[in-house]
Amino acid sequence: MTKPRFNLLIEANHQADDPDGTRRLRLVLKRLLRSFGLRCVTAVPVNVASELEQVAARDRQNDRTVSF
C-alpha cells in the first residue's frame, strides 16, 4: 500500500527579522513534523512564476478531461 503524499506551497509574509521567511518556515515544519509524526521527504524553493504557470496548465488540462 502506498502512502499518501501531498505538495504544500507555503509563502511567508515579509518580516524585518526574517525577510525571506526561512527561519519561520523551518520552525513551522519542525513543529508540524514532531507534533503529528510526519516525515519530510523533500523541501525545495519554488520559482513562483513557474509554479503558477504549472498550476494554470494543470487547471487547463483538468478542464479538458472533466466531463459530467
N, C-alpha and C. Protein backbone atom coordinates (compact mmCIF):
# COMPACT_ATOMS: atom_id res chain seq x y z
N MET A 1 0.84 -1.18 0.00
CA MET A 1 0.00 0.00 0.00
C MET A 1 0.89 1.25 0.00
N THR A 2 0.62 2.16 -0.91
CA THR A 2 1.42 3.38 -0.96
C THR A 2 0.89 4.41 0.03
N LYS A 3 1.79 5.19 0.55
CA LYS A 3 1.42 6.23 1.49
C LYS A 3 0.97 7.47 0.72
N PRO A 4 -0.04 8.16 1.21
CA PRO A 4 -0.46 9.39 0.52
C PRO A 4 0.61 10.47 0.68
N ARG A 5 0.81 11.23 -0.39
CA ARG A 5 1.76 12.34 -0.37
C ARG A 5 1.06 13.59 -0.86
N PHE A 6 1.48 14.72 -0.35
CA PHE A 6 0.87 16.00 -0.70
C PHE A 6 1.97 17.01 -0.99
N ASN A 7 1.71 17.88 -1.95
CA ASN A 7 2.58 19.03 -2.20
C ASN A 7 1.97 20.21 -1.45
N LEU A 8 2.80 20.92 -0.72
CA LEU A 8 2.35 22.05 0.08
C LEU A 8 3.17 23.26 -0.32
N LEU A 9 2.52 24.31 -0.76
CA LEU A 9 3.20 25.54 -1.15
C LEU A 9 2.92 26.58 -0.08
N ILE A 10 3.96 27.04 0.60
CA ILE A 10 3.82 28.00 1.70
C ILE A 10 4.58 29.27 1.33
N GLU A 11 3.94 30.41 1.56
CA GLU A 11 4.58 31.70 1.29
C GLU A 11 4.60 32.50 2.58
N ALA A 12 5.76 33.01 2.94
CA ALA A 12 5.90 33.78 4.17
C ALA A 12 5.73 35.27 3.89
N ASN A 13 4.97 35.94 4.74
CA ASN A 13 4.89 37.40 4.66
C ASN A 13 6.21 37.99 5.11
N HIS A 14 6.50 39.19 4.64
CA HIS A 14 7.76 39.85 4.97
C HIS A 14 7.78 40.27 6.44
N GLN A 15 8.90 40.00 7.09
CA GLN A 15 9.15 40.49 8.45
C GLN A 15 10.59 40.98 8.48
N ALA A 16 10.84 42.05 9.23
CA ALA A 16 12.17 42.66 9.27
C ALA A 16 13.23 41.69 9.79
N ASP A 17 12.88 40.86 10.78
CA ASP A 17 13.87 39.96 11.37
C ASP A 17 14.05 38.67 10.58
N ASP A 18 13.19 38.41 9.61
CA ASP A 18 13.28 37.20 8.78
C ASP A 18 12.71 37.53 7.40
N PRO A 19 13.42 38.32 6.59
CA PRO A 19 12.86 38.84 5.35
C PRO A 19 12.44 37.78 4.33
N ASP A 20 13.16 36.67 4.24
CA ASP A 20 12.79 35.67 3.24
C ASP A 20 11.95 34.53 3.82
N GLY A 21 11.72 34.54 5.13
CA GLY A 21 10.84 33.57 5.75
C GLY A 21 11.46 32.22 6.07
N THR A 22 12.75 32.04 5.81
CA THR A 22 13.40 30.75 6.00
C THR A 22 13.33 30.28 7.45
N ARG A 23 13.62 31.18 8.37
CA ARG A 23 13.62 30.79 9.79
C ARG A 23 12.22 30.36 10.23
N ARG A 24 11.21 31.11 9.84
CA ARG A 24 9.84 30.78 10.23
C ARG A 24 9.37 29.49 9.55
N LEU A 25 9.75 29.28 8.31
CA LEU A 25 9.38 28.05 7.61
C LEU A 25 9.99 26.84 8.31
N ARG A 26 11.26 26.92 8.67
CA ARG A 26 11.91 25.81 9.37
C ARG A 26 11.22 25.52 10.70
N LEU A 27 10.85 26.57 11.41
CA LEU A 27 10.19 26.40 12.70
C LEU A 27 8.83 25.72 12.55
N VAL A 28 8.02 26.17 11.60
CA VAL A 28 6.68 25.58 11.44
C VAL A 28 6.78 24.14 10.95
N LEU A 29 7.73 23.84 10.06
CA LEU A 29 7.89 22.46 9.61
C LEU A 29 8.32 21.55 10.74
N LYS A 30 9.25 22.02 11.56
CA LYS A 30 9.72 21.23 12.69
C LYS A 30 8.57 20.91 13.64
N ARG A 31 7.76 21.92 13.95
CA ARG A 31 6.62 21.70 14.86
C ARG A 31 5.59 20.74 14.24
N LEU A 32 5.31 20.91 12.98
CA LEU A 32 4.34 20.05 12.29
C LEU A 32 4.81 18.61 12.28
N LEU A 33 6.05 18.39 11.91
CA LEU A 33 6.57 17.03 11.82
C LEU A 33 6.59 16.35 13.18
N ARG A 34 7.04 17.06 14.18
CA ARG A 34 7.12 16.45 15.52
C ARG A 34 5.74 16.23 16.14
N SER A 35 4.83 17.17 15.94
CA SER A 35 3.51 17.08 16.57
C SER A 35 2.66 15.95 15.99
N PHE A 36 2.80 15.71 14.70
CA PHE A 36 1.92 14.76 14.04
C PHE A 36 2.64 13.52 13.53
N GLY A 37 3.91 13.36 13.86
CA GLY A 37 4.64 12.17 13.46
C GLY A 37 4.81 12.03 11.96
N LEU A 38 5.00 13.17 11.29
CA LEU A 38 5.19 13.16 9.85
C LEU A 38 6.67 13.17 9.50
N ARG A 39 6.97 12.92 8.23
CA ARG A 39 8.35 12.91 7.76
C ARG A 39 8.42 13.76 6.50
N CYS A 40 9.38 14.65 6.44
CA CYS A 40 9.57 15.48 5.26
C CYS A 40 10.40 14.70 4.25
N VAL A 41 9.86 14.49 3.06
CA VAL A 41 10.55 13.75 2.02
C VAL A 41 11.45 14.66 1.22
N THR A 42 10.98 15.86 0.91
CA THR A 42 11.78 16.83 0.18
C THR A 42 11.25 18.23 0.44
N ALA A 43 12.13 19.20 0.41
CA ALA A 43 11.76 20.60 0.55
C ALA A 43 12.66 21.40 -0.39
N VAL A 44 12.06 22.04 -1.36
CA VAL A 44 12.83 22.81 -2.34
C VAL A 44 12.19 24.17 -2.54
N PRO A 45 13.01 25.20 -2.72
CA PRO A 45 12.45 26.52 -3.03
C PRO A 45 11.77 26.48 -4.39
N VAL A 46 10.78 27.32 -4.57
CA VAL A 46 9.99 27.32 -5.81
C VAL A 46 10.10 28.67 -6.48
N ASN A 47 10.26 28.65 -7.80
CA ASN A 47 10.15 29.86 -8.59
C ASN A 47 8.66 30.13 -8.75
N VAL A 48 8.16 31.18 -8.14
CA VAL A 48 6.72 31.42 -8.07
C VAL A 48 6.10 31.54 -9.46
N ALA A 49 6.75 32.22 -10.38
CA ALA A 49 6.19 32.39 -11.72
C ALA A 49 6.02 31.04 -12.41
N SER A 50 7.03 30.18 -12.33
CA SER A 50 6.93 28.87 -12.99
C SER A 50 5.91 27.99 -12.28
N GLU A 51 5.80 28.09 -10.97
CA GLU A 51 4.82 27.30 -10.22
C GLU A 51 3.40 27.71 -10.62
N LEU A 52 3.16 29.01 -10.75
CA LEU A 52 1.83 29.47 -11.15
C LEU A 52 1.49 29.01 -12.56
N GLU A 53 2.47 28.99 -13.45
CA GLU A 53 2.24 28.52 -14.81
C GLU A 53 1.91 27.02 -14.81
N GLN A 54 2.60 26.25 -13.97
CA GLN A 54 2.31 24.81 -13.88
C GLN A 54 0.90 24.58 -13.35
N VAL A 55 0.49 25.35 -12.36
CA VAL A 55 -0.86 25.22 -11.81
C VAL A 55 -1.89 25.57 -12.88
N ALA A 56 -1.65 26.64 -13.63
CA ALA A 56 -2.57 27.03 -14.69
C ALA A 56 -2.66 25.94 -15.76
N ALA A 57 -1.52 25.35 -16.11
CA ALA A 57 -1.51 24.28 -17.11
C ALA A 57 -2.30 23.07 -16.62
N ARG A 58 -2.14 22.70 -15.34
CA ARG A 58 -2.91 21.59 -14.77
C ARG A 58 -4.40 21.90 -14.79
N ASP A 59 -4.75 23.15 -14.46
CA ASP A 59 -6.16 23.55 -14.47
C ASP A 59 -6.73 23.44 -15.88
N ARG A 60 -5.97 23.89 -16.87
CA ARG A 60 -6.43 23.80 -18.26
C ARG A 60 -6.61 22.33 -18.65
N GLN A 61 -5.67 21.48 -18.24
CA GLN A 61 -5.75 20.06 -18.56
C GLN A 61 -6.97 19.43 -17.88
N ASN A 62 -7.21 19.80 -16.64
CA ASN A 62 -8.37 19.27 -15.92
C ASN A 62 -9.67 19.73 -16.54
N ASP A 63 -9.70 20.95 -17.04
CA ASP A 63 -10.91 21.45 -17.70
C ASP A 63 -11.23 20.64 -18.94
N ARG A 64 -10.20 20.15 -19.63
CA ARG A 64 -10.42 19.37 -20.84
C ARG A 64 -10.81 17.94 -20.55
N THR A 65 -10.36 17.41 -19.39
CA THR A 65 -10.59 16.00 -19.13
C THR A 65 -11.83 15.72 -18.28
N VAL A 66 -12.35 16.74 -17.62
CA VAL A 66 -13.53 16.55 -16.75
C VAL A 66 -14.78 16.56 -17.60
N SER A 67 -15.61 15.55 -17.44
CA SER A 67 -16.89 15.53 -18.14
C SER A 67 -17.98 15.13 -17.15
N PHE A 68 -19.16 15.67 -17.38
CA PHE A 68 -20.27 15.42 -16.48
C PHE A 68 -21.36 14.67 -17.18
